[in-house]
Protein backbone atom coordinates (compact mmCIF):
# COMPACT_ATOMS: atom_id res chain seq x y z
CA MET A 1 4.12 26.72 35.11
CA ASN A 2 6.45 24.29 36.87
CA LEU A 3 4.67 21.15 38.02
CA ALA A 4 7.71 20.24 40.09
CA ASP A 5 6.98 23.12 42.46
CA PRO A 6 5.06 22.10 45.59
CA VAL A 7 1.42 23.17 45.66
CA THR A 8 0.44 24.95 48.83
CA GLU A 9 -2.87 26.48 47.77
CA ALA A 10 -5.82 25.17 49.74
CA ALA A 11 -8.51 23.45 47.71
CA PRO A 12 -11.52 25.75 47.23
CA ALA A 13 -14.78 24.71 48.83
CA ARG A 14 -17.40 22.94 46.78
CA SER A 15 -20.66 24.70 45.98
CA ARG A 16 -23.84 23.71 44.18
CA ALA A 17 -23.39 23.99 40.42
CA ALA A 18 -25.00 27.20 39.14
CA ILE A 19 -24.76 26.31 35.45
CA ARG A 20 -26.29 23.65 33.24
CA LEU A 21 -23.64 20.99 32.91
CA PRO A 22 -22.58 19.33 29.62
CA TRP A 23 -24.16 15.93 30.23
CA PRO A 24 -24.53 15.09 26.49
CA ALA A 25 -20.73 15.28 26.12
CA LEU A 26 -20.24 13.17 29.26
CA LEU A 27 -23.06 10.63 29.07
CA GLY A 28 -24.75 10.98 25.70
CA SER A 29 -28.42 11.79 25.21
CA LEU A 30 -30.30 12.11 28.51
CA ALA A 31 -33.94 12.61 29.39
CA SER A 32 -34.47 16.15 30.65
CA ASP A 33 -35.51 14.98 34.12
CA ASP A 34 -32.35 12.84 34.39
CA ALA A 35 -30.17 15.83 33.45
CA GLN A 36 -32.01 17.99 35.96
CA ALA A 37 -31.51 15.40 38.71
CA LEU A 38 -27.76 15.33 38.03
CA ASP A 39 -27.59 19.14 37.94
CA ALA A 40 -29.31 19.28 41.33
CA MET A 41 -26.79 16.83 42.79
CA ALA A 42 -23.62 18.28 41.22
CA GLN A 43 -21.21 20.36 43.26
CA SER A 44 -19.02 22.87 41.42
CA ARG A 45 -15.37 23.54 42.15
CA SER A 46 -12.81 25.79 40.49
CA VAL A 47 -9.12 24.85 40.55
CA ALA A 48 -6.31 27.28 39.78
CA GLU A 49 -3.70 26.53 37.12
CA GLY A 50 -0.88 24.46 38.61
CA ALA A 51 -2.90 23.36 41.66
CA GLN A 52 -3.44 19.78 42.74
CA VAL A 53 -6.90 18.45 41.90
CA PHE A 54 -6.48 15.26 43.94
CA SER A 55 -3.62 13.10 45.18
CA ARG A 56 -2.99 9.37 45.11
CA GLY A 57 -4.20 7.70 48.30
CA GLU A 58 -6.66 10.43 49.25
CA PRO A 59 -10.33 9.53 49.80
CA SER A 60 -12.22 9.18 46.52
CA GLN A 61 -15.87 9.94 47.19
CA HIS A 62 -16.95 11.91 44.11
CA LEU A 63 -17.15 11.30 40.37
CA ILE A 64 -15.42 14.32 38.82
CA ALA A 65 -16.45 15.84 35.49
CA LEU A 66 -14.05 18.31 33.90
CA VAL A 67 -16.42 20.96 32.56
CA ASP A 68 -13.74 23.25 31.19
CA GLY A 69 -9.94 23.31 31.12
CA GLN A 70 -7.08 20.83 30.82
CA ALA A 71 -5.74 18.52 33.52
CA ALA A 72 -2.96 15.94 33.72
CA CYS A 73 -3.30 12.59 35.52
CA GLY A 74 -0.35 10.41 36.50
CA TRP A 75 2.18 9.88 39.25
CA SER A 76 3.97 12.67 41.10
CA GLN A 77 7.69 12.10 41.54
CA PRO A 78 9.95 13.84 44.07
CA ALA A 79 11.78 16.81 42.53
CA ARG A 80 10.37 16.01 39.06
CA GLY A 81 6.69 16.81 39.45
CA LEU A 82 3.93 14.92 37.70
CA ALA A 83 4.71 12.23 35.12
CA ALA A 84 1.54 12.56 33.04
CA GLU A 85 -0.09 9.32 31.89
CA ARG A 86 -3.24 10.98 30.59
CA ILE A 87 -4.16 14.52 29.54
CA VAL A 88 -7.85 15.33 29.90
CA HIS A 89 -9.55 18.19 28.02
CA GLY A 90 -12.99 19.34 29.12
CA PRO A 91 -15.74 18.50 28.79
CA ALA A 92 -14.79 14.96 29.82
CA TRP A 93 -14.69 12.71 32.85
CA LEU A 94 -11.63 13.32 34.96
CA LEU A 95 -12.55 10.63 37.47
CA LEU A 96 -15.26 8.08 36.70
CA ALA A 97 -14.56 4.43 37.58
CA ARG A 98 -12.42 4.67 40.71
CA PRO A 99 -15.03 6.03 43.17
CA PHE A 100 -17.38 3.16 42.30
CA ALA A 101 -14.68 0.54 42.94
CA ASP A 102 -12.49 1.99 45.70
CA ASN A 103 -12.52 4.83 48.20
CA ARG A 104 -8.97 5.98 47.44
CA HIS A 105 -7.54 7.86 44.46
CA GLY A 106 -5.22 5.69 42.38
CA CYS A 107 -3.25 8.54 40.80
CA ASP A 108 -2.45 12.25 41.07
CA ALA A 109 -4.12 15.00 39.03
CA VAL A 110 -2.88 18.54 38.43
CA ALA A 111 -4.59 21.48 36.69
CA GLN A 112 -2.65 22.54 33.60
CA THR A 113 -5.07 25.44 33.07
CA ARG A 114 -7.73 26.88 35.30
CA LEU A 115 -10.39 24.18 35.75
CA GLN A 116 -14.12 24.18 36.27
CA LEU A 117 -15.20 20.88 37.81
CA ALA A 118 -18.56 19.28 38.60
CA GLU A 119 -18.49 16.59 41.28
CA LEU A 120 -21.13 13.97 41.97
CA PRO A 121 -21.11 12.36 45.44
CA VAL A 122 -21.02 8.59 44.98
CA GLU A 123 -23.56 7.39 47.54
CA PRO A 124 -26.39 9.77 46.55
CA LEU A 125 -25.60 8.96 42.92
CA ARG A 126 -25.93 5.22 43.59
CA ALA A 127 -29.36 5.83 45.11
CA LEU A 128 -30.41 7.91 42.10
CA LEU A 129 -29.26 5.24 39.63
CA LEU A 130 -31.30 2.57 41.44
CA ARG A 131 -34.40 4.66 40.78
CA ARG A 132 -33.51 5.59 37.17
CA PRO A 133 -32.43 2.54 35.13
CA MET A 134 -31.98 4.44 31.84
CA LEU A 135 -29.64 6.89 33.53
CA ALA A 136 -27.78 3.93 35.05
CA LEU A 137 -27.29 2.53 31.52
CA ARG A 138 -25.71 5.83 30.42
CA PHE A 139 -23.15 5.48 33.21
CA VAL A 140 -22.54 1.85 32.23
CA ASP A 141 -21.84 3.03 28.68
CA ALA A 142 -19.42 5.70 29.94
CA LEU A 143 -17.61 3.17 32.12
CA ALA A 144 -17.38 0.75 29.18
CA ARG A 145 -15.76 3.46 27.04
CA GLU A 146 -13.20 4.13 29.75
CA VAL A 147 -12.41 0.42 30.11
CA GLY A 148 -12.06 0.18 26.34
CA TRP A 149 -9.64 3.12 26.28
CA LEU A 150 -7.55 1.53 29.04
CA GLY A 151 -7.46 -1.77 27.13
CA GLU A 152 -6.30 -0.05 23.95
CA ARG A 153 -3.62 1.83 25.85
CA MET A 154 -2.33 -1.37 27.47
CA HIS A 155 -2.22 -3.10 24.08
CA GLU A 156 -0.23 -0.25 22.54
CA LEU A 157 2.28 -0.15 25.38
CA MET A 158 2.78 -3.93 25.24
CA HIS A 159 2.77 -4.54 21.49
CA LYS A 160 3.70 -1.35 19.62
CA ASP A 161 7.12 0.21 19.36
CA ALA A 162 7.72 3.91 20.05
CA GLY A 163 7.21 4.99 16.43
CA ALA A 164 3.89 3.14 16.12
CA ARG A 165 2.66 4.58 19.42
CA LEU A 166 3.49 8.10 18.29
CA ALA A 167 1.80 7.54 14.92
CA ALA A 168 -1.33 6.22 16.65
CA TRP A 169 -1.38 9.22 18.99
CA LEU A 170 -1.09 11.65 16.08
CA CYS A 171 -3.93 9.89 14.23
CA THR A 172 -6.12 10.13 17.33
CA GLN A 173 -5.37 13.84 17.77
CA LEU A 174 -6.40 14.55 14.18
CA GLN A 175 -9.81 12.89 14.51
CA GLY A 176 -12.72 15.32 14.29
CA ARG A 177 -10.60 18.29 13.25
CA HIS A 178 -11.65 20.55 10.38
CA ALA A 179 -8.04 20.87 9.19
CA GLN A 180 -7.37 17.15 8.90
CA ASP A 181 -3.70 17.56 8.02
CA VAL A 182 -2.61 20.16 10.61
CA LEU A 183 -2.14 19.54 14.31
CA ARG A 184 -1.18 22.24 16.80
CA LEU A 185 0.01 20.49 19.92
CA ALA A 186 -1.74 21.80 23.03
CA GLU A 187 0.37 19.74 25.43
CA ARG A 188 3.97 20.03 26.49
CA LYS A 189 6.23 17.57 24.75
CA ARG A 190 7.33 16.01 28.02
CA ASP A 191 3.66 15.28 28.81
CA ILE A 192 3.11 13.74 25.38
CA ALA A 193 6.20 11.57 25.85
CA SER A 194 5.05 10.47 29.30
CA GLN A 195 1.62 9.44 27.98
CA LEU A 196 3.29 7.38 25.26
CA GLY A 197 5.67 5.60 27.64
CA MET A 198 8.85 7.18 26.28
CA THR A 199 11.37 9.86 27.22
CA PRO A 200 11.23 13.37 25.68
CA GLU A 201 14.45 12.53 23.84
CA THR A 202 12.86 9.44 22.29
CA LEU A 203 9.81 11.49 21.31
CA SER A 204 12.03 14.03 19.51
CA ARG A 205 13.88 11.21 17.75
CA MET A 206 10.63 9.56 16.64
CA MET A 207 9.30 12.90 15.34
CA ARG A 208 12.45 13.31 13.27
CA ASN A 209 12.10 9.76 12.00
CA LEU A 210 8.51 10.36 10.85
CA SER A 211 9.65 13.55 9.15
CA GLU A 212 12.53 11.79 7.37
CA ARG A 213 10.08 9.14 6.13
CA GLY A 214 7.91 11.87 4.61
CA LEU A 215 4.94 11.20 6.89
CA ILE A 216 4.90 14.53 8.72
CA ALA A 217 6.54 17.96 8.58
CA GLY A 218 6.67 20.92 10.91
CA SER A 219 8.53 22.50 13.75
CA GLY A 220 7.86 23.45 17.32
CA TYR A 221 4.29 22.67 18.30
CA THR A 222 2.78 22.58 14.80
CA VAL A 223 2.71 19.29 12.87
CA ARG A 224 1.49 18.83 9.30
CA VAL A 225 0.57 15.32 8.21
CA LEU A 226 1.88 14.74 4.68
CA ASP A 227 0.88 11.09 4.29
CA PRO A 228 -2.22 10.22 6.38
CA GLY A 229 -2.42 6.70 4.93
CA GLY A 230 1.21 6.01 5.70
CA LEU A 231 0.79 7.31 9.25
CA GLN A 232 -2.25 5.10 9.77
CA GLY A 233 -0.38 2.12 8.38
CA LEU A 234 2.47 2.65 10.81
CA ALA A 235 0.00 3.07 13.64
CA GLY A 236 -1.79 -0.14 12.71
CA VAL A 237 -5.23 1.48 12.42
């Protein structure tokens, strides 16, 4: 897949979701009637690998949940394609805060695999949340987590050097894995570099540096963590 190639495929039409959506992964524990109300409102959409999900400046009228697949969010650049700032793996929110605050998309998003999306129209959702305060609190919690993630990312970009940012990213990727010392990278190295605010060349140099320090080992897209404590110390976690 070449994200630099122009996307000409028309966006598929939305339809009512025919499956039970993963609300616990998106919003935490919900009352059954709240989950059913969201299911009834959700519109499903499939997006082909390599296709544009949305573009910066376009109207933003739906919250978008990524039910399954992997998408990249960032800024498209002429002749270079998308510079990924965030890689999203489903199930997760692909677009949560922006539709509440503005009616225009603030970034571009491209499908890195085939995607299954669930979209919630903002205005009907607002009306539903006014009637269901506990469901509204779940959305407040989800928005708070997103704001917290953005704050952490800003802190890392402003105060951590390239090696510390890479170490922090590796520590985050290892969280929740059964094999705590092995990481198989699911993202292209240029996308990882873009998320970390560095060039692919700097990423390769930092990986070599961590290897020379005895913190990691590996080749290609498989990384073995040799010194988890040392990696966490470098990351400042």
